Amino acid sequence: MKDFVSKIPQNELIDFVATYAENHTKFLTALVARFAEPVNNKKKDTFIKQFDDIVKNHSDHGFIDYRASYGFEREMADFLGNLFENSSFSNDSSAMESITHFTKKFGNLQIDDSNGSMTYLCELLSNIWHSHIANANTENQIEIRKWIEQHMYSKNMWMMEDNLEDIYCASFNDEKNLKAKLKFYDKLIKDAEESTEQSYSREFNIAKWAAQKADVMEKLHTNFSDIEVFLMNYRTMQEPTFKLFDLYMKVRRFADAEKILLKFGDLKKDNHIYQREIAEKLKVLYTKTRQNDKLLEVVKNLVRDIESMELFKEFKSMISKENWVKERDAFLKTVNSHKLRMDIFKEEQLTDELYKDFCDIAKAGLTIYAFDWYGKALCPQYETQVVEFFRQYLDNEMMNATTRREYHRVVSEAKTLLTYNGGLTAVNDLQNIWQERHKNRPAMIEELKKLHLSKKNA
C-alpha cells in the first residue's frame, strides 16, 4: 500500500487529501491531531474548535441525549486518542490552554451518561494530562499544579473531579511541589474542619485529604513519628486508619498494625462494609506474621460475610483432611445464609442436605437460578423431584406471563428442563396443558412451536 501511495504525484495526493478532509469531519479531526506542528496559537484554536464542534454536532439545545452519546463517544475518543499519540502536542507548553479548555467542558458536560461513555473519555483526557505533565519543565509543572488546585473541587468540575484528583496525587513529586501540596492539603482540611456543615461528604473529604497528605509526607521523607502523630488525629476515620496500618506494616510494627485495626473495628462494629474491609486487612497481617489461628478465624468470618466460595476453599485448605468434616460441620452451624449453606452443600456433595434446603426455598417460591445452580447437583438422587419442581415452576410462570417476551422466556427455560431424565415427558404435558388452557394467546402458541420436542431430547 505504501509503495502504491508513494507513486502518486505529491500535488495530486495533497489535493485528494484536502478534498476528502473537507467532506469528512472525522478524517479531518484525525489528520489535524496526528500531523499538526508543535502547538501555536493557530493550532491551539484549531484543536479547541475541533473539540467544540464534536460537542456541538452531537448536542440538541446544549444537551447530548442517550442516543447521541454513542456517536459522541466514538468521535471524541478518536480525537483524544490522536492527540495523545501526537508527541508534538503533549510536548508543547502552549498545549495547556487546549487541555484546560477540554477539561472545563468535560467537567460540567450536559450529557445522558447512562452508557458510561464519559468514564472512558475522561480517562483518555487524563492520559493527555499525564503525558503533558511528564514533558513539562519545572516552571510549567508548577503552573499546572496551581491550575489543578484552583479547579479540581469546583462545582463545575464534578465529572472530572476524580480524574484530576488522581492526576494531582500521582504527579508533582519534586520537593518544591510536594511542599506546596502539603500546604494545599492543610488548607483543605482546615477549611473543612472549620465548616459548620455536618455531612457525610465533609467527613469523607477530611479522611481522604488526611490520607493523601500522609502520602505526601512520606514522599518528603518526613519522620515516621510525625506522620504517625498526624494520622492518629484521624484514627476514627477509615482512610487515615488504613494508611497508618499500611505504614506500620511497612516498618514491621505488626502489633501496632493489629491494634489500630481492632480499635477501629470496635468503633465501627455496626458498619458491615467497614468490618469486611478490616477483615481483609487483618488477613494480610496474619498471613504475613503466620498467626494461623487468627488467620483461620478471619477467613471464616469473611466466608460468612461475603459468601465467597473461593474463600471457603481457602478455609478448607487450612484444615487437615482428618479434621475437615468436624470443622466444616461446626462452621455450617454458624451460617445463616441459605445461599451460602447451599453452595457449601453443593461443593461438598452433601446431596441430602442440599435437597432439604432446596425444598425449604421451594416453599417461598423457586426461581430459575435455583434450577440452573443446584438442579444438576441434586441428580440423579433427586432428579424425579427436581423435574416435578421445575414443571410446577414453569406452569406457574406461564400462567402469569402476559407478553410475547415473557412467553419466550418461559419456553427458553423449558428447554433446560429437557436436559433432565423425564424432562421430555414433563414438557410435553406442559405444552398440551398450555395449548388448551391458553388457546386465546396466539403469541404463546407461536413461541411453543420453538420447543421442537422429540425423543432425542429425552
Protein backbone atom coordinates (compact mmCIF):
# COMPACT_ATOMS: atom_id res chain seq x y z
CA MET A 1 0.00 0.00 0.00
CA LYS A 2 2.80 2.42 0.92
CA ASP A 3 4.57 1.68 -2.38
CA PHE A 4 1.39 2.45 -4.29
CA VAL A 5 0.82 5.76 -2.44
CA SER A 6 4.46 6.80 -2.90
CA LYS A 7 3.99 6.65 -6.70
CA ILE A 8 1.14 9.18 -6.67
CA PRO A 9 2.30 12.68 -7.64
CA GLN A 10 2.53 14.82 -4.50
CA ASN A 11 0.31 17.63 -5.79
CA GLU A 12 -2.45 15.12 -6.66
CA LEU A 13 -2.17 13.43 -3.26
CA ILE A 14 -2.41 16.77 -1.45
CA ASP A 15 -5.48 17.77 -3.47
CA PHE A 16 -7.18 14.44 -2.76
CA VAL A 17 -6.49 14.55 0.99
CA ALA A 18 -7.65 18.17 1.24
CA THR A 19 -10.89 17.47 -0.65
CA TYR A 20 -11.60 14.32 1.37
CA ALA A 21 -10.91 16.11 4.66
CA GLU A 22 -13.31 18.92 3.79
CA ASN A 23 -16.14 16.41 3.39
CA HIS A 24 -15.28 14.02 6.24
CA THR A 25 -15.14 15.65 9.66
CA LYS A 26 -13.83 12.56 11.44
CA PHE A 27 -10.93 12.23 8.99
CA LEU A 28 -10.11 15.93 9.36
CA THR A 29 -10.08 15.59 13.15
CA ALA A 30 -7.60 12.72 12.99
CA LEU A 31 -5.48 14.48 10.37
CA VAL A 32 -5.17 17.70 12.34
CA ALA A 33 -4.49 15.93 15.63
CA ARG A 34 -1.90 13.49 14.30
CA PHE A 35 0.12 15.67 11.94
CA ALA A 36 -0.07 19.11 13.50
CA GLU A 37 3.09 21.14 14.05
CA PRO A 38 4.06 21.98 17.64
CA VAL A 39 1.17 23.85 19.16
CA ASN A 40 0.98 27.53 18.45
CA ASN A 41 -1.97 29.88 18.81
CA LYS A 42 -3.38 28.99 15.42
CA LYS A 43 -3.09 25.22 16.01
CA LYS A 44 -4.41 25.65 19.53
CA ASP A 45 -7.50 27.37 18.17
CA THR A 46 -7.90 24.55 15.65
CA PHE A 47 -7.82 21.89 18.39
CA ILE A 48 -10.31 23.81 20.52
CA LYS A 49 -12.63 24.31 17.54
CA GLN A 50 -12.41 20.61 16.63
CA PHE A 51 -13.30 19.67 20.21
CA ASP A 52 -16.18 22.16 20.44
CA ASP A 53 -17.54 21.07 17.07
CA ILE A 54 -17.74 17.44 18.21
CA VAL A 55 -19.68 18.52 21.30
CA LYS A 56 -21.94 20.80 19.25
CA ASN A 57 -22.60 18.27 16.49
CA HIS A 58 -23.96 15.72 18.96
CA SER A 59 -25.90 18.17 21.15
CA ASP A 60 -29.52 19.19 20.99
CA HIS A 61 -30.09 22.54 22.69
CA GLY A 62 -26.84 22.06 24.59
CA PHE A 63 -27.61 18.51 25.75
CA ILE A 64 -26.23 15.20 24.46
CA ASP A 65 -29.00 12.65 24.86
CA TYR A 66 -28.62 8.90 25.32
CA ARG A 67 -28.88 8.05 21.63
CA ALA A 68 -26.37 10.71 20.57
CA SER A 69 -23.90 9.72 23.30
CA TYR A 70 -22.67 6.68 21.38
CA GLY A 71 -21.65 8.69 18.33
CA PHE A 72 -20.20 11.38 20.58
CA GLU A 73 -18.08 8.81 22.40
CA ARG A 74 -16.69 7.34 19.18
CA GLU A 75 -15.81 10.68 17.58
CA MET A 76 -14.40 12.21 20.77
CA ALA A 77 -12.37 9.06 21.50
CA ASP A 78 -10.78 9.30 18.05
CA PHE A 79 -9.96 12.98 18.60
CA LEU A 80 -8.43 12.49 22.06
CA GLY A 81 -6.65 9.28 21.06
CA ASN A 82 -4.97 11.00 18.13
CA LEU A 83 -3.96 13.96 20.30
CA PHE A 84 -2.41 11.59 22.83
CA GLU A 85 -0.34 9.92 20.11
CA ASN A 86 0.79 13.30 18.76
CA SER A 87 4.02 13.93 20.70
CA SER A 88 4.30 17.46 19.29
CA PHE A 89 1.07 18.30 21.11
CA SER A 90 1.90 16.91 24.54
CA ASN A 91 5.46 18.31 24.41
CA ASP A 92 4.39 21.87 23.68
CA SER A 93 3.96 24.28 26.58
CA SER A 94 1.11 26.10 24.84
CA ALA A 95 -0.96 22.89 24.78
CA MET A 96 -2.04 23.75 28.32
CA GLU A 97 -4.73 26.12 27.08
CA SER A 98 -6.26 23.40 24.91
CA ILE A 99 -6.14 20.76 27.65
CA THR A 100 -7.70 23.03 30.26
CA HIS A 101 -10.42 24.01 27.79
CA PHE A 102 -11.24 20.33 27.20
CA THR A 103 -11.25 19.69 30.94
CA LYS A 104 -13.62 22.56 31.72
CA LYS A 105 -16.02 21.38 29.02
CA PHE A 106 -15.92 17.79 30.25
CA GLY A 107 -16.21 18.86 33.88
CA ASN A 108 -19.80 20.02 33.53
CA LEU A 109 -20.79 18.45 30.20
CA GLN A 110 -24.55 18.16 29.79
CA ILE A 111 -24.92 14.54 28.70
CA ASP A 112 -27.05 11.49 29.46
CA ASP A 113 -24.20 9.24 30.55
CA SER A 114 -26.28 6.11 31.12
CA ASN A 115 -23.88 4.09 28.97
CA GLY A 116 -20.85 5.25 30.96
CA SER A 117 -19.10 6.79 27.97
CA MET A 118 -17.73 9.70 30.00
CA THR A 119 -15.76 7.38 32.26
CA TYR A 120 -13.80 6.25 29.20
CA LEU A 121 -13.46 9.72 27.69
CA CYS A 122 -12.32 11.29 30.97
CA GLU A 123 -9.67 8.57 31.23
CA LEU A 124 -8.45 9.42 27.71
CA LEU A 125 -8.22 13.08 28.69
CA SER A 126 -6.34 12.05 31.84
CA ASN A 127 -3.78 10.27 29.66
CA ILE A 128 -3.18 13.54 27.79
CA TRP A 129 -2.76 15.34 31.12
CA HIS A 130 -0.20 12.78 32.32
CA SER A 131 1.74 13.00 29.06
CA HIS A 132 1.76 16.79 29.13
CA ILE A 133 2.87 16.95 32.76
CA ALA A 134 5.64 14.40 32.17
CA ASN A 135 7.05 16.57 29.37
CA ALA A 136 6.63 19.91 31.14
CA ASN A 137 9.61 21.71 32.68
CA THR A 138 9.67 22.57 36.38
CA GLU A 139 8.25 26.05 35.82
CA ASN A 140 5.31 24.75 33.80
CA GLN A 141 4.66 21.91 36.24
CA ILE A 142 4.17 24.46 38.99
CA GLU A 143 1.65 26.35 36.86
CA ILE A 144 -0.17 23.11 36.02
CA ARG A 145 -0.31 22.13 39.70
CA LYS A 146 -1.73 25.52 40.63
CA TRP A 147 -4.39 25.27 37.90
CA ILE A 148 -5.50 21.85 39.15
CA GLU A 149 -5.61 23.10 42.75
CA GLN A 150 -7.81 26.02 41.70
CA HIS A 151 -10.23 23.98 39.61
CA MET A 152 -10.24 20.40 40.96
CA TYR A 153 -13.03 20.89 43.50
CA SER A 154 -15.04 23.46 41.58
CA LYS A 155 -18.76 22.68 41.42
CA ASN A 156 -18.43 22.89 37.62
CA MET A 157 -15.77 20.18 37.54
CA TRP A 158 -17.79 17.35 39.06
CA MET A 159 -17.39 14.97 36.12
CA MET A 160 -13.59 15.38 36.01
CA GLU A 161 -13.01 15.75 39.76
CA ASP A 162 -11.89 12.17 40.42
CA ASN A 163 -9.59 12.17 37.39
CA LEU A 164 -7.97 15.47 38.35
CA GLU A 165 -7.56 14.20 41.90
CA ASP A 166 -5.78 11.07 40.63
CA ILE A 167 -3.54 13.19 38.39
CA TYR A 168 -2.73 15.52 41.29
CA CYS A 169 -1.85 12.66 43.65
CA ALA A 170 0.36 10.89 41.10
CA SER A 171 2.21 13.97 39.79
CA PHE A 172 4.32 16.90 41.02
CA ASN A 173 6.69 14.83 43.12
CA ASP A 174 9.72 17.10 43.27
CA GLU A 175 10.47 18.67 46.64
CA LYS A 176 9.16 22.14 45.79
CA ASN A 177 5.82 20.87 44.51
CA LEU A 178 5.45 18.36 47.34
CA LYS A 179 5.84 21.10 49.94
CA ALA A 180 3.25 23.16 48.11
CA LYS A 181 0.90 20.16 48.09
CA LEU A 182 1.28 19.88 51.88
CA LYS A 183 0.06 23.47 52.25
CA PHE A 184 -2.81 22.77 49.88
CA TYR A 185 -3.98 19.77 51.92
CA ASP A 186 -3.58 21.73 55.17
CA LYS A 187 -5.90 24.42 53.82
CA LEU A 188 -8.46 21.90 52.53
CA ILE A 189 -8.56 20.06 55.86
CA LYS A 190 -8.64 23.28 57.92
CA ASP A 191 -11.50 24.76 55.89
CA ALA A 192 -13.49 21.52 56.12
CA GLU A 193 -12.92 21.16 59.87
CA GLU A 194 -13.97 24.76 60.49
CA SER A 195 -17.07 24.40 58.34
CA THR A 196 -20.38 24.39 60.19
CA GLU A 197 -21.81 21.94 57.66
CA GLN A 198 -22.23 18.48 59.13
CA SER A 199 -22.46 15.87 56.39
CA TYR A 200 -21.10 12.55 55.26
CA SER A 201 -19.23 14.22 52.38
CA ARG A 202 -17.44 16.58 54.79
CA GLU A 203 -16.08 13.70 56.89
CA PHE A 204 -15.32 11.69 53.76
CA ASN A 205 -13.25 14.54 52.31
CA ILE A 206 -11.34 15.17 55.53
CA ALA A 207 -10.45 11.47 55.76
CA LYS A 208 -9.39 11.37 52.10
CA TRP A 209 -7.26 14.51 52.32
CA ALA A 210 -5.61 13.38 55.57
CA ALA A 211 -4.53 10.11 53.94
CA GLN A 212 -3.33 11.96 50.82
CA LYS A 213 -1.36 14.40 52.96
CA ALA A 214 0.29 11.45 54.70
CA ASP A 215 1.33 10.14 51.26
CA VAL A 216 2.99 13.49 50.53
CA MET A 217 4.71 13.48 53.94
CA GLU A 218 6.05 10.02 53.20
CA LYS A 219 7.40 11.15 49.80
CA LEU A 220 9.15 14.04 51.57
CA HIS A 221 10.79 11.51 53.94
CA THR A 222 9.12 13.07 56.97
CA ASN A 223 9.96 11.36 60.27
CA PHE A 224 7.72 8.36 60.76
CA SER A 225 6.73 9.55 64.23
CA ASP A 226 5.43 12.83 62.78
CA ILE A 227 3.31 11.00 60.20
CA GLU A 228 2.05 8.68 62.93
CA VAL A 229 1.04 11.56 65.20
CA PHE A 230 -0.73 13.30 62.33
CA LEU A 231 -2.72 10.20 61.30
CA MET A 232 -3.59 9.37 64.90
CA ASN A 233 -5.64 12.58 64.95
CA TYR A 234 -7.95 10.91 62.40
CA ARG A 235 -7.99 7.35 63.74
CA THR A 236 -11.79 7.34 63.83
CA MET A 237 -11.80 7.59 60.02
CA GLN A 238 -11.20 4.74 57.61
CA GLU A 239 -8.66 6.09 55.11
CA PRO A 240 -6.24 7.56 57.67
CA THR A 241 -6.54 4.40 59.79
CA PHE A 242 -5.83 2.13 56.82
CA LYS A 243 -2.95 4.38 55.75
CA LEU A 244 -1.44 4.12 59.23
CA PHE A 245 -1.94 0.34 59.14
CA ASP A 246 -0.03 0.17 55.84
CA LEU A 247 2.79 2.27 57.28
CA TYR A 248 3.01 0.06 60.37
CA MET A 249 3.19 -2.97 58.11
CA LYS A 250 5.97 -1.34 56.07
CA VAL A 251 8.12 -0.74 59.17
CA ARG A 252 7.18 -4.16 60.61
CA ARG A 253 5.34 -2.80 63.65
CA PHE A 254 2.83 -5.61 63.37
CA ALA A 255 1.42 -5.36 66.91
CA ASP A 256 0.59 -1.67 66.34
CA ALA A 257 -0.93 -2.51 62.95
CA GLU A 258 -3.25 -5.04 64.57
CA LYS A 259 -4.10 -2.73 67.46
CA ILE A 260 -5.10 0.21 65.25
CA LEU A 261 -7.38 -2.01 63.16
CA LEU A 262 -9.05 -3.76 66.08
CA LYS A 263 -9.77 -0.44 67.78
CA PHE A 264 -11.25 0.93 64.59
CA GLY A 265 -13.29 -2.27 64.25
CA ASP A 266 -14.73 -1.82 67.75
CA LEU A 267 -15.63 1.75 66.87
CA LYS A 268 -17.38 0.71 63.65
CA LYS A 269 -18.79 -2.63 64.81
CA ASP A 270 -22.23 -1.86 63.35
CA ASN A 271 -20.86 -0.97 59.90
CA HIS A 272 -20.91 -4.08 57.73
CA ILE A 273 -18.71 -2.62 54.99
CA TYR A 274 -16.02 -1.43 57.40
CA GLN A 275 -15.95 -4.81 59.13
CA ARG A 276 -15.40 -6.58 55.82
CA GLU A 277 -12.54 -4.27 54.82
CA ILE A 278 -10.95 -4.55 58.26
CA ALA A 279 -11.07 -8.34 57.94
CA GLU A 280 -9.31 -8.14 54.57
CA LYS A 281 -6.53 -6.07 56.16
CA LEU A 282 -6.23 -8.44 59.11
CA LYS A 283 -5.97 -11.34 56.69
CA VAL A 284 -2.91 -9.68 55.14
CA LEU A 285 -1.41 -9.09 58.58
CA TYR A 286 -1.99 -12.60 59.93
CA THR A 287 -0.75 -14.20 56.72
CA LYS A 288 2.48 -12.19 56.83
CA THR A 289 3.05 -12.86 60.54
CA ARG A 290 1.96 -16.52 60.28
CA GLN A 291 -0.60 -16.21 63.05
CA ASN A 292 -2.54 -19.19 61.70
CA ASP A 293 -5.23 -19.42 64.38
CA LYS A 294 -6.17 -15.77 63.99
CA LEU A 295 -5.95 -16.08 60.21
CA LEU A 296 -8.36 -19.02 60.28
CA GLU A 297 -10.95 -17.04 62.23
CA VAL A 298 -10.65 -14.08 59.89
CA VAL A 299 -11.07 -16.28 56.81
CA LYS A 300 -14.13 -17.98 58.31
CA ASN A 301 -15.66 -14.61 59.12
CA LEU A 302 -15.02 -13.43 55.58
CA VAL A 303 -16.62 -16.57 54.11
CA ARG A 304 -19.77 -15.82 56.11
CA ASP A 305 -19.62 -12.11 55.41
CA ILE A 306 -19.12 -12.03 51.66
CA GLU A 307 -20.38 -15.56 50.92
CA SER A 308 -17.29 -16.37 48.90
CA MET A 309 -16.72 -19.95 47.83
CA GLU A 310 -13.15 -19.09 46.87
CA LEU A 311 -12.52 -18.15 50.49
CA PHE A 312 -14.36 -21.28 51.58
CA LYS A 313 -11.86 -23.32 49.57
CA GLU A 314 -9.06 -21.37 51.23
CA PHE A 315 -10.60 -22.17 54.62
CA LYS A 316 -10.70 -25.86 53.65
CA SER A 317 -7.06 -25.79 52.57
CA MET A 318 -6.08 -24.60 56.05
CA ILE A 319 -7.57 -27.68 57.77
CA SER A 320 -6.06 -31.15 57.79
CA LYS A 321 -8.04 -33.84 55.97
CA GLU A 322 -8.72 -35.81 59.14
CA ASN A 323 -10.21 -32.74 60.88
CA TRP A 324 -12.07 -31.29 57.92
CA VAL A 325 -15.52 -32.85 58.37
CA LYS A 326 -15.65 -31.82 62.01
CA GLU A 327 -14.52 -28.25 61.21
CA ARG A 328 -16.90 -27.98 58.27
CA ASP A 329 -19.94 -29.17 60.20
CA ALA A 330 -19.17 -26.83 63.08
CA PHE A 331 -18.81 -23.95 60.62
CA LEU A 332 -22.10 -24.76 58.88
CA LYS A 333 -23.93 -24.35 62.19
CA THR A 334 -22.81 -20.70 62.23
CA VAL A 335 -24.01 -19.95 58.68
CA ASN A 336 -27.36 -18.16 58.45
CA SER A 337 -27.37 -17.51 54.73
CA HIS A 338 -29.46 -20.03 52.79
CA LYS A 339 -27.45 -19.42 49.64
CA LEU A 340 -24.03 -19.85 51.27
CA ARG A 341 -25.15 -23.00 53.05
CA MET A 342 -26.50 -24.49 49.82
CA ASP A 343 -23.34 -23.52 47.93
CA ILE A 344 -21.29 -25.36 50.55
CA PHE A 345 -23.58 -28.41 50.35
CA LYS A 346 -23.12 -28.39 46.57
CA GLU A 347 -19.34 -28.00 46.83
CA GLU A 348 -19.08 -30.74 49.44
CA GLN A 349 -21.54 -33.02 47.60
CA LEU A 350 -23.88 -33.17 50.60
CA THR A 351 -26.87 -34.01 48.44
CA ASP A 352 -29.38 -34.85 51.19
CA GLU A 353 -28.69 -31.58 52.98
CA LEU A 354 -28.84 -29.66 49.70
CA TYR A 355 -32.21 -31.18 48.84
CA LYS A 356 -33.64 -30.32 52.26
CA ASP A 357 -32.73 -26.65 51.80
CA PHE A 358 -33.95 -26.78 48.20
CA CYS A 359 -37.35 -27.88 49.48
CA ASP A 360 -37.31 -25.10 52.06
CA ILE A 361 -36.77 -22.38 49.49
CA ALA A 362 -39.39 -24.02 47.24
CA LYS A 363 -41.99 -23.14 49.88
CA ALA A 364 -41.24 -19.45 49.32
CA GLY A 365 -41.09 -19.87 45.54
CA LEU A 366 -38.28 -21.12 43.34
CA THR A 367 -36.53 -19.08 40.66
CA ILE A 368 -34.77 -20.24 37.52
CA TYR A 369 -31.50 -19.54 39.34
CA ALA A 370 -32.23 -22.37 41.79
CA PHE A 371 -32.55 -24.87 38.95
CA ASP A 372 -29.58 -23.51 37.00
CA TRP A 373 -27.31 -23.57 40.03
CA TYR A 374 -28.47 -26.51 42.12
CA GLY A 375 -30.63 -28.67 39.83
CA LYS A 376 -27.94 -30.92 38.38
CA ALA A 377 -26.17 -31.17 41.74
CA LEU A 378 -29.27 -32.96 43.07
CA CYS A 379 -29.17 -35.57 40.31
CA PRO A 380 -29.51 -38.45 39.95
CA GLN A 381 -30.60 -38.99 43.55
CA TYR A 382 -33.41 -36.41 43.50
CA GLU A 383 -33.85 -35.99 39.75
CA THR A 384 -37.52 -37.02 39.75
CA GLN A 385 -38.33 -34.46 42.44
CA VAL A 386 -36.35 -31.70 40.68
CA VAL A 387 -38.21 -32.36 37.43
CA GLU A 388 -41.53 -32.04 39.24
CA PHE A 389 -40.45 -28.82 40.99
CA PHE A 390 -39.28 -27.48 37.62
CA ARG A 391 -42.57 -28.44 35.95
CA GLN A 392 -44.56 -26.62 38.64
CA TYR A 393 -42.31 -23.57 38.36
CA LEU A 394 -42.75 -23.36 34.56
CA ASP A 395 -46.51 -23.83 34.77
CA ASN A 396 -46.81 -21.02 37.28
CA GLU A 397 -44.57 -18.74 35.18
CA MET A 398 -46.64 -19.35 32.04
CA MET A 399 -49.84 -18.76 33.97
CA ASN A 400 -48.57 -15.28 34.92
CA ALA A 401 -46.96 -14.43 31.57
CA THR A 402 -48.78 -11.78 29.52
CA THR A 403 -46.39 -10.71 26.73
CA ARG A 404 -44.50 -12.40 23.91
CA ARG A 405 -41.25 -11.61 25.65
CA GLU A 406 -42.41 -13.44 28.78
CA TYR A 407 -43.69 -16.40 26.73
CA HIS A 408 -40.30 -16.60 25.01
CA ARG A 409 -38.51 -16.62 28.37
CA VAL A 410 -40.66 -19.44 29.76
CA VAL A 411 -40.20 -21.52 26.60
CA SER A 412 -36.43 -20.96 26.75
CA GLU A 413 -36.41 -22.11 30.38
CA ALA A 414 -38.46 -25.17 29.41
CA LYS A 415 -35.61 -26.20 27.11
CA THR A 416 -33.43 -26.55 30.22
CA LEU A 417 -35.94 -28.99 31.70
CA LEU A 418 -35.45 -31.16 28.59
CA THR A 419 -31.88 -31.87 29.75
CA TYR A 420 -33.20 -33.91 32.72
CA ASN A 421 -34.28 -37.52 32.61
CA GLY A 422 -38.06 -37.33 32.47
CA GLY A 423 -37.91 -33.75 31.23
CA LEU A 424 -39.33 -34.53 27.79
CA THR A 425 -42.48 -36.07 29.25
CA ALA A 426 -42.93 -33.16 31.64
CA VAL A 427 -42.53 -30.54 28.89
CA ASN A 428 -44.85 -32.45 26.55
CA ASP A 429 -47.50 -32.45 29.27
CA LEU A 430 -46.99 -28.73 29.88
CA GLN A 431 -47.23 -27.94 26.19
CA ASN A 432 -50.57 -29.76 25.92
CA ILE A 433 -51.91 -28.06 29.05
CA TRP A 434 -50.82 -24.59 27.88
CA GLN A 435 -52.24 -25.00 24.39
CA GLU A 436 -55.61 -25.98 25.86
CA ARG A 437 -55.67 -23.58 28.78
CA HIS A 438 -54.35 -20.54 26.88
CA LYS A 439 -55.79 -21.14 23.42
CA ASN A 440 -56.61 -17.44 23.15
CA ARG A 441 -52.91 -16.47 23.34
CA PRO A 442 -51.66 -16.75 19.73
CA ALA A 443 -48.24 -15.30 20.60
CA MET A 444 -47.75 -18.02 23.22
CA ILE A 445 -48.76 -20.74 20.74
CA GLU A 446 -46.18 -19.41 18.27
CA GLU A 447 -43.47 -19.44 20.93
CA LEU A 448 -44.36 -23.03 21.92
CA LYS A 449 -43.59 -24.17 18.38
CA LYS A 450 -39.96 -23.28 19.05
CA LEU A 451 -39.62 -26.17 21.52
CA HIS A 452 -39.16 -28.74 18.69
CA LEU A 453 -39.92 -31.64 21.01
CA SER A 454 -38.60 -35.07 20.01
CA LYS A 455 -37.36 -38.26 21.64
CA LYS A 456 -33.77 -37.16 21.21
CA ASN A 457 -34.41 -34.62 24.00
CA ALA A 458 -35.31 -37.36 26.46
